[in-house]
């Protein structure tokens, strides 16, 4: 049981570091929903994912992400007194709680472009 718990903690840490690295160089303006125009002054055309991509997202991405987001939130709750005393509580909360849950539930099914249904980016970069 201890080995499983250790592997879970290592997995969560790798996931958090990977998310932090992926979002570190993005600007807020790049992650907002921007329509793609075919021609000048034409109607916007939004990217529509295929049915297969939606099925893969629903079965193989969102279901494991619910567990990973829950685990990440639990770890953050456990370490929150320390990180708030260090002064990095809000950025850590955004990286460990908000970003995984927004990736899990706030984006359209099958869409991995960073666009969400409420128009906000998945991760909002804050100064450490």
C-alpha atoms as a PDB file:
ATOM      1  CA  UNK A   1       0.000   0.000   0.000  1.00  0.00           C
ATOM      2  CA  UNK A   2       2.867   2.351   0.784  1.00  0.00           C
ATOM      3  CA  UNK A   3       4.421   1.768  -2.636  1.00  0.00           C
ATOM      4  CA  UNK A   4       1.149   2.614  -4.365  1.00  0.00           C
ATOM      5  CA  UNK A   5       0.836   5.807  -2.330  1.00  0.00           C
ATOM      6  CA  UNK A   6       4.422   6.778  -3.134  1.00  0.00           C
ATOM      7  CA  UNK A   7       3.853   6.158  -6.842  1.00  0.00           C
ATOM      8  CA  UNK A   8       0.671   8.238  -6.723  1.00  0.00           C
ATOM      9  CA  UNK A   9       2.508  11.128  -5.079  1.00  0.00           C
ATOM     10  CA  UNK A  10       5.312  10.930  -7.645  1.00  0.00           C
ATOM     11  CA  UNK A  11       2.755  10.846 -10.471  1.00  0.00           C
ATOM     12  CA  UNK A  12       0.977  13.915  -9.098  1.00  0.00           C
ATOM     13  CA  UNK A  13       4.238  15.815  -8.720  1.00  0.00           C
ATOM     14  CA  UNK A  14       5.253  14.973 -12.295  1.00  0.00           C
ATOM     15  CA  UNK A  15       1.819  16.038 -13.535  1.00  0.00           C
ATOM     16  CA  UNK A  16       2.001  19.360 -11.678  1.00  0.00           C
ATOM     17  CA  UNK A  17       5.518  20.076 -12.920  1.00  0.00           C
ATOM     18  CA  UNK A  18       4.482  19.193 -16.467  1.00  0.00           C
ATOM     19  CA  UNK A  19       1.474  21.491 -16.298  1.00  0.00           C
ATOM     20  CA  UNK A  20       3.552  24.294 -14.827  1.00  0.00           C
ATOM     21  CA  UNK A  21       6.158  23.887 -17.587  1.00  0.00           C
ATOM     22  CA  UNK A  22       3.521  23.775 -20.320  1.00  0.00           C
ATOM     23  CA  UNK A  23       1.773  26.897 -19.098  1.00  0.00           C
ATOM     24  CA  UNK A  24       4.881  28.843 -18.087  1.00  0.00           C
ATOM     25  CA  UNK A  25       5.541  30.402 -21.484  1.00  0.00           C
ATOM     26  CA  UNK A  26       1.953  31.043 -22.519  1.00  0.00           C
ATOM     27  CA  UNK A  27       0.472  34.479 -22.324  1.00  0.00           C
ATOM     28  CA  UNK A  28      -3.096  35.061 -21.273  1.00  0.00           C
ATOM     29  CA  UNK A  29      -3.996  36.477 -24.674  1.00  0.00           C
ATOM     30  CA  UNK A  30      -2.900  33.279 -26.443  1.00  0.00           C
ATOM     31  CA  UNK A  31      -5.205  31.035 -24.449  1.00  0.00           C
ATOM     32  CA  UNK A  32      -8.426  32.986 -24.973  1.00  0.00           C
ATOM     33  CA  UNK A  33     -10.892  31.806 -27.588  1.00  0.00           C
ATOM     34  CA  UNK A  34     -10.002  33.410 -30.890  1.00  0.00           C
ATOM     35  CA  UNK A  35     -12.018  32.534 -33.988  1.00  0.00           C
ATOM     36  CA  UNK A  36     -10.200  31.578 -37.154  1.00  0.00           C
ATOM     37  CA  UNK A  37     -11.260  33.625 -40.182  1.00  0.00           C
ATOM     38  CA  UNK A  38     -11.197  32.121 -43.654  1.00  0.00           C
ATOM     39  CA  UNK A  39     -11.149  35.496 -45.390  1.00  0.00           C
ATOM     40  CA  UNK A  40     -11.046  39.095 -44.306  1.00  0.00           C
ATOM     41  CA  UNK A  41     -14.405  40.290 -42.921  1.00  0.00           C
ATOM     42  CA  UNK A  42     -15.836  36.773 -43.098  1.00  0.00           C
ATOM     43  CA  UNK A  43     -17.805  34.924 -40.452  1.00  0.00           C
ATOM     44  CA  UNK A  44     -15.656  33.188 -37.842  1.00  0.00           C
ATOM     45  CA  UNK A  45     -15.046  29.456 -38.193  1.00  0.00           C
ATOM     46  CA  UNK A  46     -14.401  27.617 -34.939  1.00  0.00           C
ATOM     47  CA  UNK A  47     -12.452  24.381 -34.744  1.00  0.00           C
ATOM     48  CA  UNK A  48     -14.825  21.410 -34.349  1.00  0.00           C
ATOM     49  CA  UNK A  49     -13.145  18.247 -33.059  1.00  0.00           C
ATOM     50  CA  UNK A  50     -14.007  14.924 -34.651  1.00  0.00           C
ATOM     51  CA  UNK A  51     -16.330  12.402 -33.018  1.00  0.00           C
ATOM     52  CA  UNK A  52     -13.414  10.022 -32.404  1.00  0.00           C
ATOM     53  CA  UNK A  53     -11.460  12.735 -30.597  1.00  0.00           C
ATOM     54  CA  UNK A  54     -14.507  13.496 -28.444  1.00  0.00           C
ATOM     55  CA  UNK A  55     -14.851   9.818 -27.504  1.00  0.00           C
ATOM     56  CA  UNK A  56     -11.147   9.550 -26.647  1.00  0.00           C
ATOM     57  CA  UNK A  57     -11.407  12.717 -24.579  1.00  0.00           C
ATOM     58  CA  UNK A  58     -14.492  11.502 -22.695  1.00  0.00           C
ATOM     59  CA  UNK A  59     -13.183   8.007 -21.951  1.00  0.00           C
ATOM     60  CA  UNK A  60      -9.402   8.221 -21.734  1.00  0.00           C
ATOM     61  CA  UNK A  61      -8.697  11.811 -20.698  1.00  0.00           C
ATOM     62  CA  UNK A  62     -11.518  13.145 -18.552  1.00  0.00           C
ATOM     63  CA  UNK A  63     -12.107  10.064 -16.389  1.00  0.00           C
ATOM     64  CA  UNK A  64      -8.443   9.751 -15.275  1.00  0.00           C
ATOM     65  CA  UNK A  65      -8.232  13.543 -14.928  1.00  0.00           C
ATOM     66  CA  UNK A  66     -11.086  13.508 -12.397  1.00  0.00           C
ATOM     67  CA  UNK A  67      -8.984  11.258 -10.171  1.00  0.00           C
ATOM     68  CA  UNK A  68      -5.796  13.221 -10.836  1.00  0.00           C
ATOM     69  CA  UNK A  69      -7.528  16.544 -10.142  1.00  0.00           C
ATOM     70  CA  UNK A  70      -8.954  15.172  -6.900  1.00  0.00           C
ATOM     71  CA  UNK A  71      -5.544  13.889  -5.831  1.00  0.00           C
ATOM     72  CA  UNK A  72      -3.872  17.189  -6.736  1.00  0.00           C
ATOM     73  CA  UNK A  73      -6.480  19.099  -4.741  1.00  0.00           C
ATOM     74  CA  UNK A  74      -5.944  16.800  -1.750  1.00  0.00           C
ATOM     75  CA  UNK A  75      -2.181  17.303  -1.873  1.00  0.00           C
ATOM     76  CA  UNK A  76      -2.672  21.074  -2.092  1.00  0.00           C
ATOM     77  CA  UNK A  77      -4.967  21.035   0.948  1.00  0.00           C
ATOM     78  CA  UNK A  78      -2.299  19.119   2.862  1.00  0.00           C
ATOM     79  CA  UNK A  79       0.533  21.506   1.942  1.00  0.00           C
ATOM     80  CA  UNK A  80      -1.474  24.752   1.846  1.00  0.00           C
ATOM     81  CA  UNK A  81      -0.423  26.070   5.282  1.00  0.00           C
ATOM     82  CA  UNK A  82       3.234  25.796   4.300  1.00  0.00           C
ATOM     83  CA  UNK A  83       2.887  27.335   0.838  1.00  0.00           C
ATOM     84  CA  UNK A  84       0.820  30.248   2.153  1.00  0.00           C
ATOM     85  CA  UNK A  85       3.473  30.953   4.787  1.00  0.00           C
ATOM     86  CA  UNK A  86       6.065  30.908   1.995  1.00  0.00           C
ATOM     87  CA  UNK A  87       4.002  33.458   0.052  1.00  0.00           C
ATOM     88  CA  UNK A  88       3.262  31.318  -3.001  1.00  0.00           C
ATOM     89  CA  UNK A  89      -0.201  30.137  -2.016  1.00  0.00           C
ATOM     90  CA  UNK A  90      -2.221  31.712  -4.824  1.00  0.00           C
ATOM     91  CA  UNK A  91       0.002  30.627  -7.733  1.00  0.00           C
ATOM     92  CA  UNK A  92       0.238  27.150  -6.237  1.00  0.00           C
ATOM     93  CA  UNK A  93      -3.551  27.007  -5.856  1.00  0.00           C
ATOM     94  CA  UNK A  94      -3.973  28.006  -9.487  1.00  0.00           C
ATOM     95  CA  UNK A  95      -1.497  25.351 -10.629  1.00  0.00           C
ATOM     96  CA  UNK A  96      -2.627  22.503  -8.374  1.00  0.00           C
ATOM     97  CA  UNK A  97      -6.373  23.105  -8.040  1.00  0.00           C
ATOM     98  CA  UNK A  98      -7.774  25.490 -10.633  1.00  0.00           C
ATOM     99  CA  UNK A  99      -5.831  24.388 -13.730  1.00  0.00           C
ATOM    100  CA  UNK A 100      -6.486  20.621 -13.425  1.00  0.00           C
ATOM    101  CA  UNK A 101     -10.196  21.129 -12.719  1.00  0.00           C
ATOM    102  CA  UNK A 102     -10.603  23.672 -15.536  1.00  0.00           C
ATOM    103  CA  UNK A 103      -8.849  21.259 -17.922  1.00  0.00           C
ATOM    104  CA  UNK A 104     -11.139  18.463 -16.738  1.00  0.00           C
ATOM    105  CA  UNK A 105     -14.542  20.156 -16.807  1.00  0.00           C
ATOM    106  CA  UNK A 106     -14.394  23.677 -18.289  1.00  0.00           C
ATOM    107  CA  UNK A 107     -13.317  22.978 -21.867  1.00  0.00           C
ATOM    108  CA  UNK A 108     -15.453  21.715 -24.747  1.00  0.00           C
ATOM    109  CA  UNK A 109     -15.392  17.971 -25.314  1.00  0.00           C
ATOM    110  CA  UNK A 110     -12.490  16.984 -27.564  1.00  0.00           C
ATOM    111  CA  UNK A 111     -10.952  20.471 -27.627  1.00  0.00           C
ATOM    112  CA  UNK A 112      -7.325  20.656 -26.455  1.00  0.00           C
ATOM    113  CA  UNK A 113      -6.583  24.193 -27.691  1.00  0.00           C
ATOM    114  CA  UNK A 114      -6.900  25.882 -24.293  1.00  0.00           C
ATOM    115  CA  UNK A 115     -10.304  27.339 -25.085  1.00  0.00           C
ATOM    116  CA  UNK A 116     -12.928  26.972 -22.370  1.00  0.00           C
ATOM    117  CA  UNK A 117     -16.703  27.300 -22.395  1.00  0.00           C
ATOM    118  CA  UNK A 118     -16.633  30.407 -20.177  1.00  0.00           C
ATOM    119  CA  UNK A 119     -14.040  32.219 -22.320  1.00  0.00           C
ATOM    120  CA  UNK A 120     -11.323  32.253 -19.655  1.00  0.00           C
ATOM    121  CA  UNK A 121      -7.980  30.503 -20.130  1.00  0.00           C
ATOM    122  CA  UNK A 122      -7.329  27.192 -18.390  1.00  0.00           C
ATOM    123  CA  UNK A 123      -4.398  28.624 -16.455  1.00  0.00           C
ATOM    124  CA  UNK A 124      -3.888  32.279 -15.576  1.00  0.00           C
ATOM    125  CA  UNK A 125      -0.240  33.039 -15.055  1.00  0.00           C
ATOM    126  CA  UNK A 126       0.539  35.015 -11.930  1.00  0.00           C
ATOM    127  CA  UNK A 127       3.802  36.507 -10.728  1.00  0.00           C
ATOM    128  CA  UNK A 128       5.604  34.456  -8.087  1.00  0.00           C
END
